[in-house]
Amino acid sequence: MCAAPDPDPLRTREEAAVWLRAAALLPADAGLSTSEHAALSRLRDSLRDVLAAHTDGRQDAAAADRLTRALADGRVVVTLDTDSAVHLASAARSSYPSLVAAIAVAIAESAAAGTWLRLKSCSAPGCCLAFYDGSPPPAATRCAAHAARS
């Protein structure tokens, strides 16, 4: 399991809001409620667990179920543009569900592009970084910073 980085940018509601604003995932005037902060932590942890399963080349039904539940806070809809191209978009009217919807859309787009299983978490002790495994075949288990040291 990944040890939390020190300092954890999502440790408190206030720190999480600052980090999310800097990442352009939360509007400048928005904050997080206590329940949203707890949900955000569950979302991050479940995503880490799923990416760890990708890294290990195994299936983890419990982690997939936790991520599915965490993503349910996002309100995602199917949209069509003038050329009848289909897209996923957020239908949320408040900040936290919009954030979750954006993550859900990114995951769906990654899966559609065939890259979802190449998103992994670094297996180096204490490293919490997610990375894209572009190696042929996708066998990397460590982020670029730790791969050079292994």
N, C-alpha and C. Protein backbone atom coordinates (compact mmCIF):
# COMPACT_ATOMS: atom_id res chain seq x y z
N MET A 1 0.83 -1.17 0.00
CA MET A 1 0.00 0.00 0.00
C MET A 1 0.88 1.23 0.00
N CYS A 2 0.42 2.24 -0.63
CA CYS A 2 1.14 3.49 -0.77
C CYS A 2 1.09 4.27 0.54
N ALA A 3 2.22 4.71 1.00
CA ALA A 3 2.24 5.60 2.15
C ALA A 3 1.92 7.00 1.67
N ALA A 4 1.20 7.73 2.47
CA ALA A 4 0.82 9.09 2.08
C ALA A 4 2.06 9.96 1.99
N PRO A 5 2.11 10.81 0.97
CA PRO A 5 3.26 11.69 0.85
C PRO A 5 3.27 12.69 2.01
N ASP A 6 4.42 13.19 2.34
CA ASP A 6 4.50 14.16 3.42
C ASP A 6 4.98 15.47 2.84
N PRO A 7 4.24 16.52 2.85
CA PRO A 7 2.88 16.60 3.39
C PRO A 7 1.85 16.15 2.35
N ASP A 8 0.77 15.61 2.84
CA ASP A 8 -0.33 15.16 2.00
C ASP A 8 -1.14 16.38 1.56
N PRO A 9 -1.22 16.67 0.26
CA PRO A 9 -1.94 17.87 -0.18
C PRO A 9 -3.44 17.81 0.06
N LEU A 10 -3.96 16.64 0.40
CA LEU A 10 -5.40 16.50 0.67
C LEU A 10 -5.68 16.25 2.15
N ARG A 11 -4.70 16.50 3.00
CA ARG A 11 -4.81 16.17 4.43
C ARG A 11 -5.99 16.85 5.11
N THR A 12 -6.20 18.12 4.86
CA THR A 12 -7.32 18.85 5.46
C THR A 12 -8.21 19.39 4.34
N ARG A 13 -9.43 19.78 4.71
CA ARG A 13 -10.35 20.37 3.72
C ARG A 13 -9.72 21.60 3.07
N GLU A 14 -9.09 22.42 3.88
CA GLU A 14 -8.51 23.66 3.37
C GLU A 14 -7.34 23.39 2.44
N GLU A 15 -6.46 22.48 2.83
CA GLU A 15 -5.32 22.14 1.98
C GLU A 15 -5.77 21.47 0.69
N ALA A 16 -6.78 20.63 0.79
CA ALA A 16 -7.31 19.97 -0.41
C ALA A 16 -7.89 21.00 -1.36
N ALA A 17 -8.63 21.97 -0.84
CA ALA A 17 -9.23 23.01 -1.69
C ALA A 17 -8.14 23.82 -2.39
N VAL A 18 -7.08 24.16 -1.68
CA VAL A 18 -5.97 24.91 -2.28
C VAL A 18 -5.35 24.09 -3.41
N TRP A 19 -5.09 22.81 -3.16
CA TRP A 19 -4.47 21.95 -4.17
C TRP A 19 -5.39 21.80 -5.38
N LEU A 20 -6.68 21.57 -5.14
CA LEU A 20 -7.63 21.40 -6.23
C LEU A 20 -7.76 22.68 -7.06
N ARG A 21 -7.73 23.83 -6.40
CA ARG A 21 -7.79 25.11 -7.15
C ARG A 21 -6.53 25.26 -8.01
N ALA A 22 -5.37 24.94 -7.45
CA ALA A 22 -4.11 25.06 -8.20
C ALA A 22 -4.09 24.13 -9.41
N ALA A 23 -4.77 22.98 -9.28
CA ALA A 23 -4.84 22.02 -10.38
C ALA A 23 -6.01 22.33 -11.32
N ALA A 24 -6.68 23.44 -11.09
CA ALA A 24 -7.83 23.87 -11.90
C ALA A 24 -8.97 22.85 -11.86
N LEU A 25 -9.12 22.18 -10.73
CA LEU A 25 -10.19 21.21 -10.56
C LEU A 25 -11.32 21.73 -9.67
N LEU A 26 -11.11 22.89 -9.07
CA LEU A 26 -12.11 23.48 -8.19
C LEU A 26 -12.11 24.99 -8.46
N PRO A 27 -13.29 25.58 -8.64
CA PRO A 27 -13.35 27.03 -8.88
C PRO A 27 -12.73 27.82 -7.73
N ALA A 28 -12.22 28.98 -8.05
CA ALA A 28 -11.52 29.82 -7.07
C ALA A 28 -12.37 30.14 -5.85
N ASP A 29 -13.67 30.26 -6.02
CA ASP A 29 -14.54 30.64 -4.91
C ASP A 29 -15.17 29.44 -4.20
N ALA A 30 -14.79 28.23 -4.58
CA ALA A 30 -15.41 27.03 -4.00
C ALA A 30 -14.52 26.43 -2.91
N GLY A 31 -15.17 25.72 -2.03
CA GLY A 31 -14.48 24.98 -0.99
C GLY A 31 -15.02 23.57 -0.94
N LEU A 32 -14.64 22.84 0.08
CA LEU A 32 -15.11 21.47 0.27
C LEU A 32 -15.78 21.36 1.63
N SER A 33 -16.91 20.69 1.68
CA SER A 33 -17.54 20.40 2.96
C SER A 33 -16.78 19.25 3.62
N THR A 34 -17.08 19.00 4.87
CA THR A 34 -16.44 17.89 5.56
C THR A 34 -16.75 16.56 4.87
N SER A 35 -18.00 16.37 4.45
CA SER A 35 -18.37 15.11 3.79
C SER A 35 -17.72 15.01 2.41
N GLU A 36 -17.59 16.13 1.69
CA GLU A 36 -16.92 16.10 0.39
C GLU A 36 -15.44 15.78 0.55
N HIS A 37 -14.82 16.33 1.59
CA HIS A 37 -13.41 16.03 1.84
C HIS A 37 -13.21 14.55 2.13
N ALA A 38 -14.09 13.97 2.93
CA ALA A 38 -14.01 12.53 3.22
C ALA A 38 -14.23 11.72 1.94
N ALA A 39 -15.18 12.14 1.11
CA ALA A 39 -15.43 11.45 -0.16
C ALA A 39 -14.24 11.56 -1.09
N LEU A 40 -13.59 12.72 -1.11
CA LEU A 40 -12.40 12.92 -1.94
C LEU A 40 -11.29 11.97 -1.51
N SER A 41 -11.10 11.80 -0.22
CA SER A 41 -10.09 10.86 0.28
C SER A 41 -10.42 9.43 -0.14
N ARG A 42 -11.69 9.06 -0.06
CA ARG A 42 -12.09 7.72 -0.50
C ARG A 42 -11.88 7.54 -2.00
N LEU A 43 -12.17 8.60 -2.77
CA LEU A 43 -11.95 8.54 -4.22
C LEU A 43 -10.47 8.34 -4.52
N ARG A 44 -9.62 9.12 -3.89
CA ARG A 44 -8.18 8.99 -4.11
C ARG A 44 -7.70 7.60 -3.72
N ASP A 45 -8.11 7.11 -2.56
CA ASP A 45 -7.65 5.81 -2.10
C ASP A 45 -8.13 4.69 -3.01
N SER A 46 -9.37 4.77 -3.46
CA SER A 46 -9.89 3.72 -4.35
C SER A 46 -9.20 3.77 -5.71
N LEU A 47 -8.90 4.96 -6.21
CA LEU A 47 -8.17 5.07 -7.47
C LEU A 47 -6.76 4.51 -7.31
N ARG A 48 -6.11 4.80 -6.20
CA ARG A 48 -4.78 4.23 -5.94
C ARG A 48 -4.83 2.70 -5.93
N ASP A 49 -5.87 2.15 -5.29
CA ASP A 49 -5.99 0.69 -5.22
C ASP A 49 -6.18 0.07 -6.60
N VAL A 50 -6.99 0.70 -7.44
CA VAL A 50 -7.21 0.18 -8.79
C VAL A 50 -5.91 0.27 -9.61
N LEU A 51 -5.20 1.40 -9.49
CA LEU A 51 -3.94 1.53 -10.23
C LEU A 51 -2.89 0.56 -9.72
N ALA A 52 -2.91 0.25 -8.42
CA ALA A 52 -1.98 -0.75 -7.88
C ALA A 52 -2.28 -2.12 -8.48
N ALA A 53 -3.55 -2.43 -8.67
CA ALA A 53 -3.91 -3.70 -9.31
C ALA A 53 -3.41 -3.72 -10.75
N HIS A 54 -3.52 -2.59 -11.45
CA HIS A 54 -2.98 -2.51 -12.82
C HIS A 54 -1.47 -2.80 -12.79
N THR A 55 -0.78 -2.19 -11.83
CA THR A 55 0.67 -2.37 -11.71
C THR A 55 1.02 -3.84 -11.50
N ASP A 56 0.23 -4.51 -10.65
CA ASP A 56 0.49 -5.91 -10.32
C ASP A 56 -0.03 -6.88 -11.37
N GLY A 57 -0.76 -6.37 -12.37
CA GLY A 57 -1.31 -7.23 -13.40
C GLY A 57 -2.40 -8.15 -12.88
N ARG A 58 -3.16 -7.67 -11.90
CA ARG A 58 -4.21 -8.51 -11.31
C ARG A 58 -5.54 -7.75 -11.32
N GLN A 59 -6.59 -8.50 -11.13
CA GLN A 59 -7.90 -7.89 -10.99
C GLN A 59 -8.19 -7.72 -9.51
N ASP A 60 -8.87 -6.64 -9.16
CA ASP A 60 -9.24 -6.37 -7.78
C ASP A 60 -10.68 -5.88 -7.79
N ALA A 61 -11.61 -6.83 -7.67
CA ALA A 61 -13.03 -6.49 -7.74
C ALA A 61 -13.45 -5.54 -6.63
N ALA A 62 -12.88 -5.70 -5.44
CA ALA A 62 -13.25 -4.83 -4.32
C ALA A 62 -12.80 -3.39 -4.59
N ALA A 63 -11.59 -3.23 -5.12
CA ALA A 63 -11.10 -1.88 -5.44
C ALA A 63 -11.94 -1.27 -6.56
N ALA A 64 -12.27 -2.05 -7.57
CA ALA A 64 -13.11 -1.55 -8.65
C ALA A 64 -14.47 -1.13 -8.13
N ASP A 65 -15.03 -1.89 -7.20
CA ASP A 65 -16.32 -1.54 -6.61
C ASP A 65 -16.23 -0.24 -5.81
N ARG A 66 -15.15 -0.09 -5.03
CA ARG A 66 -14.97 1.16 -4.26
C ARG A 66 -14.83 2.37 -5.18
N LEU A 67 -14.08 2.20 -6.28
CA LEU A 67 -13.93 3.31 -7.22
C LEU A 67 -15.26 3.63 -7.90
N THR A 68 -15.99 2.61 -8.26
CA THR A 68 -17.31 2.82 -8.87
C THR A 68 -18.21 3.62 -7.93
N ARG A 69 -18.23 3.25 -6.66
CA ARG A 69 -19.05 3.99 -5.68
C ARG A 69 -18.56 5.42 -5.51
N ALA A 70 -17.25 5.62 -5.48
CA ALA A 70 -16.70 6.96 -5.31
C ALA A 70 -17.02 7.85 -6.51
N LEU A 71 -17.02 7.26 -7.70
CA LEU A 71 -17.31 8.02 -8.92
C LEU A 71 -18.79 8.33 -9.07
N ALA A 72 -19.64 7.65 -8.31
CA ALA A 72 -21.08 7.88 -8.41
C ALA A 72 -21.47 9.29 -7.98
N ASP A 73 -20.60 9.97 -7.24
CA ASP A 73 -20.88 11.35 -6.84
C ASP A 73 -20.84 12.30 -8.03
N GLY A 74 -20.20 11.89 -9.11
CA GLY A 74 -20.14 12.72 -10.31
C GLY A 74 -21.39 12.51 -11.13
N ARG A 75 -21.89 13.56 -11.71
CA ARG A 75 -23.09 13.46 -12.55
C ARG A 75 -22.63 13.55 -14.00
N VAL A 76 -22.60 12.39 -14.68
CA VAL A 76 -22.09 12.31 -16.05
C VAL A 76 -23.24 12.08 -17.01
N VAL A 77 -23.23 12.81 -18.13
CA VAL A 77 -24.24 12.64 -19.17
C VAL A 77 -23.55 12.44 -20.51
N VAL A 78 -24.28 11.88 -21.44
CA VAL A 78 -23.81 11.74 -22.81
C VAL A 78 -24.29 12.96 -23.59
N THR A 79 -23.37 13.57 -24.34
CA THR A 79 -23.73 14.72 -25.17
C THR A 79 -23.38 14.43 -26.63
N LEU A 80 -24.04 15.14 -27.50
CA LEU A 80 -23.77 15.04 -28.94
C LEU A 80 -23.43 16.42 -29.45
N ASP A 81 -22.41 16.50 -30.33
CA ASP A 81 -22.13 17.80 -30.94
C ASP A 81 -22.81 17.87 -32.31
N THR A 82 -22.57 18.93 -33.03
CA THR A 82 -23.26 19.12 -34.31
C THR A 82 -22.92 18.07 -35.34
N ASP A 83 -21.77 17.44 -35.20
CA ASP A 83 -21.36 16.36 -36.11
C ASP A 83 -21.81 14.99 -35.62
N SER A 84 -22.64 14.96 -34.60
CA SER A 84 -23.13 13.74 -33.96
C SER A 84 -22.05 12.93 -33.26
N ALA A 85 -20.94 13.57 -32.94
CA ALA A 85 -19.91 12.90 -32.14
C ALA A 85 -20.41 12.82 -30.70
N VAL A 86 -20.19 11.69 -30.08
CA VAL A 86 -20.67 11.44 -28.72
C VAL A 86 -19.55 11.74 -27.73
N HIS A 87 -19.92 12.43 -26.64
CA HIS A 87 -18.97 12.78 -25.59
C HIS A 87 -19.63 12.57 -24.24
N LEU A 88 -18.80 12.41 -23.22
CA LEU A 88 -19.28 12.42 -21.85
C LEU A 88 -19.00 13.79 -21.27
N ALA A 89 -19.88 14.27 -20.42
CA ALA A 89 -19.71 15.58 -19.81
C ALA A 89 -20.33 15.58 -18.42
N SER A 90 -19.95 16.56 -17.65
CA SER A 90 -20.52 16.71 -16.32
C SER A 90 -21.88 17.37 -16.40
N ALA A 91 -22.82 16.83 -15.65
CA ALA A 91 -24.14 17.44 -15.53
C ALA A 91 -24.31 18.02 -14.13
N ALA A 92 -23.23 18.03 -13.36
CA ALA A 92 -23.30 18.49 -11.98
C ALA A 92 -23.45 20.01 -11.93
N ARG A 93 -24.15 20.46 -10.91
CA ARG A 93 -24.37 21.89 -10.73
C ARG A 93 -23.55 22.46 -9.58
N SER A 94 -22.84 21.61 -8.88
CA SER A 94 -22.01 22.11 -7.79
C SER A 94 -20.58 21.61 -7.99
N SER A 95 -19.67 22.19 -7.23
CA SER A 95 -18.24 22.00 -7.47
C SER A 95 -17.74 20.57 -7.28
N TYR A 96 -18.04 19.96 -6.13
CA TYR A 96 -17.48 18.63 -5.89
C TYR A 96 -18.00 17.60 -6.89
N PRO A 97 -19.29 17.51 -7.15
CA PRO A 97 -19.74 16.55 -8.17
C PRO A 97 -19.13 16.82 -9.55
N SER A 98 -18.89 18.09 -9.87
CA SER A 98 -18.25 18.41 -11.15
C SER A 98 -16.82 17.88 -11.19
N LEU A 99 -16.11 17.99 -10.08
CA LEU A 99 -14.76 17.46 -9.97
C LEU A 99 -14.76 15.95 -10.18
N VAL A 100 -15.68 15.26 -9.52
CA VAL A 100 -15.76 13.81 -9.64
C VAL A 100 -16.15 13.42 -11.06
N ALA A 101 -17.07 14.16 -11.66
CA ALA A 101 -17.47 13.88 -13.04
C ALA A 101 -16.29 14.04 -13.98
N ALA A 102 -15.46 15.05 -13.77
CA ALA A 102 -14.29 15.25 -14.62
C ALA A 102 -13.34 14.05 -14.52
N ILE A 103 -13.18 13.51 -13.34
CA ILE A 103 -12.33 12.34 -13.16
C ILE A 103 -12.96 11.13 -13.84
N ALA A 104 -14.26 10.97 -13.67
CA ALA A 104 -14.97 9.85 -14.31
C ALA A 104 -14.85 9.92 -15.83
N VAL A 105 -15.01 11.11 -16.38
CA VAL A 105 -14.89 11.29 -17.83
C VAL A 105 -13.47 10.95 -18.28
N ALA A 106 -12.46 11.40 -17.53
CA ALA A 106 -11.07 11.10 -17.90
C ALA A 106 -10.82 9.59 -17.88
N ILE A 107 -11.37 8.90 -16.90
CA ILE A 107 -11.21 7.44 -16.83
C ILE A 107 -11.90 6.78 -18.03
N ALA A 108 -13.12 7.21 -18.33
CA ALA A 108 -13.85 6.63 -19.46
C ALA A 108 -13.12 6.88 -20.78
N GLU A 109 -12.60 8.09 -20.96
CA GLU A 109 -11.86 8.40 -22.19
C GLU A 109 -10.58 7.57 -22.28
N SER A 110 -9.92 7.36 -21.15
CA SER A 110 -8.72 6.53 -21.13
C SER A 110 -9.07 5.09 -21.51
N ALA A 111 -10.17 4.59 -20.96
CA ALA A 111 -10.59 3.23 -21.30
C ALA A 111 -10.94 3.13 -22.78
N ALA A 112 -11.64 4.12 -23.31
CA ALA A 112 -12.02 4.11 -24.73
C ALA A 112 -10.79 4.16 -25.63
N ALA A 113 -9.75 4.85 -25.17
CA ALA A 113 -8.52 4.96 -25.95
C ALA A 113 -7.61 3.74 -25.78
N GLY A 114 -7.98 2.84 -24.88
CA GLY A 114 -7.16 1.66 -24.65
C GLY A 114 -5.97 1.89 -23.75
N THR A 115 -5.97 2.99 -23.00
CA THR A 115 -4.83 3.32 -22.16
C THR A 115 -5.08 3.12 -20.66
N TRP A 116 -6.31 2.83 -20.27
CA TRP A 116 -6.67 2.73 -18.85
C TRP A 116 -5.80 1.71 -18.12
N LEU A 117 -5.58 0.55 -18.68
CA LEU A 117 -4.78 -0.47 -17.99
C LEU A 117 -3.30 -0.13 -17.94
N ARG A 118 -2.88 0.86 -18.72
CA ARG A 118 -1.49 1.31 -18.69
C ARG A 118 -1.26 2.39 -17.62
N LEU A 119 -2.35 2.87 -17.01
CA LEU A 119 -2.21 3.80 -15.89
C LEU A 119 -1.97 2.97 -14.64
N LYS A 120 -0.88 3.24 -13.96
CA LYS A 120 -0.44 2.42 -12.85
C LYS A 120 0.02 3.30 -11.70
N SER A 121 0.27 2.66 -10.57
CA SER A 121 0.87 3.37 -9.45
C SER A 121 2.26 2.79 -9.21
N CYS A 122 3.17 3.66 -8.85
CA CYS A 122 4.55 3.23 -8.64
C CYS A 122 4.62 2.26 -7.47
N SER A 123 5.34 1.17 -7.67
CA SER A 123 5.47 0.15 -6.62
C SER A 123 6.65 0.39 -5.68
N ALA A 124 7.40 1.48 -5.89
CA ALA A 124 8.51 1.77 -4.99
C ALA A 124 7.96 2.12 -3.61
N PRO A 125 8.59 1.63 -2.56
CA PRO A 125 8.10 1.91 -1.20
C PRO A 125 7.92 3.40 -0.95
N GLY A 126 6.73 3.77 -0.48
CA GLY A 126 6.44 5.15 -0.13
C GLY A 126 6.10 6.07 -1.28
N CYS A 127 6.19 5.60 -2.50
CA CYS A 127 5.87 6.45 -3.66
C CYS A 127 4.39 6.33 -3.97
N CYS A 128 3.75 7.46 -4.16
CA CYS A 128 2.30 7.48 -4.43
C CYS A 128 2.00 7.95 -5.84
N LEU A 129 3.00 8.04 -6.68
CA LEU A 129 2.79 8.60 -8.00
C LEU A 129 2.10 7.62 -8.95
N ALA A 130 1.15 8.16 -9.67
CA ALA A 130 0.54 7.42 -10.77
C ALA A 130 1.39 7.72 -12.00
N PHE A 131 1.47 6.75 -12.91
CA PHE A 131 2.25 6.97 -14.12
C PHE A 131 1.64 6.20 -15.27
N TYR A 132 2.00 6.63 -16.48
CA TYR A 132 1.57 5.94 -17.69
C TYR A 132 2.69 5.01 -18.12
N ASP A 133 2.37 3.74 -18.28
CA ASP A 133 3.35 2.75 -18.70
C ASP A 133 3.33 2.64 -20.21
N GLY A 134 4.28 3.29 -20.84
CA GLY A 134 4.37 3.26 -22.30
C GLY A 134 5.30 2.19 -22.82
N SER A 135 5.79 1.31 -21.95
CA SER A 135 6.73 0.29 -22.39
C SER A 135 6.01 -0.80 -23.19
N PRO A 136 6.69 -1.33 -24.22
CA PRO A 136 6.10 -2.44 -24.97
C PRO A 136 6.72 -3.75 -24.52
N PRO A 137 6.04 -4.71 -24.00
CA PRO A 137 4.66 -4.68 -23.52
C PRO A 137 4.59 -3.87 -22.22
N PRO A 138 3.39 -3.49 -21.79
CA PRO A 138 3.27 -2.65 -20.59
C PRO A 138 3.63 -3.41 -19.32
N ALA A 139 4.92 -3.44 -19.01
CA ALA A 139 5.39 -4.24 -17.87
C ALA A 139 6.05 -3.40 -16.79
N ALA A 140 6.09 -2.08 -16.94
CA ALA A 140 6.73 -1.23 -15.94
C ALA A 140 5.94 -1.27 -14.63
N THR A 141 6.65 -1.19 -13.52
CA THR A 141 6.00 -1.18 -12.21
C THR A 141 6.41 0.03 -11.37
N ARG A 142 7.29 0.87 -11.93
CA ARG A 142 7.75 2.04 -11.18
C ARG A 142 7.71 3.28 -12.05
N CYS A 143 7.48 4.42 -11.41
CA CYS A 143 7.48 5.70 -12.11
C CYS A 143 8.89 5.97 -12.62
N ALA A 144 9.02 6.95 -13.48
CA ALA A 144 10.32 7.25 -14.10
C ALA A 144 11.40 7.55 -13.05
N ALA A 145 11.04 8.26 -11.99
CA ALA A 145 12.02 8.60 -10.96
C ALA A 145 12.57 7.36 -10.26
N HIS A 146 11.73 6.36 -10.06
CA HIS A 146 12.18 5.15 -9.36
C HIS A 146 12.66 4.06 -10.31
N ALA A 147 12.23 4.07 -11.54
CA ALA A 147 12.67 3.07 -12.49
C ALA A 147 14.17 3.18 -12.73
N ALA A 148 14.68 4.40 -12.72
CA ALA A 148 16.11 4.61 -12.95
C ALA A 148 16.94 4.07 -11.79
N ARG A 149 16.35 3.96 -10.62
CA ARG A 149 17.08 3.49 -9.43
C ARG A 149 16.94 2.01 -9.18
N SER A 150 16.06 1.33 -9.94
CA SER A 150 15.85 -0.10 -9.64
C SER A 150 16.83 -0.99 -10.34
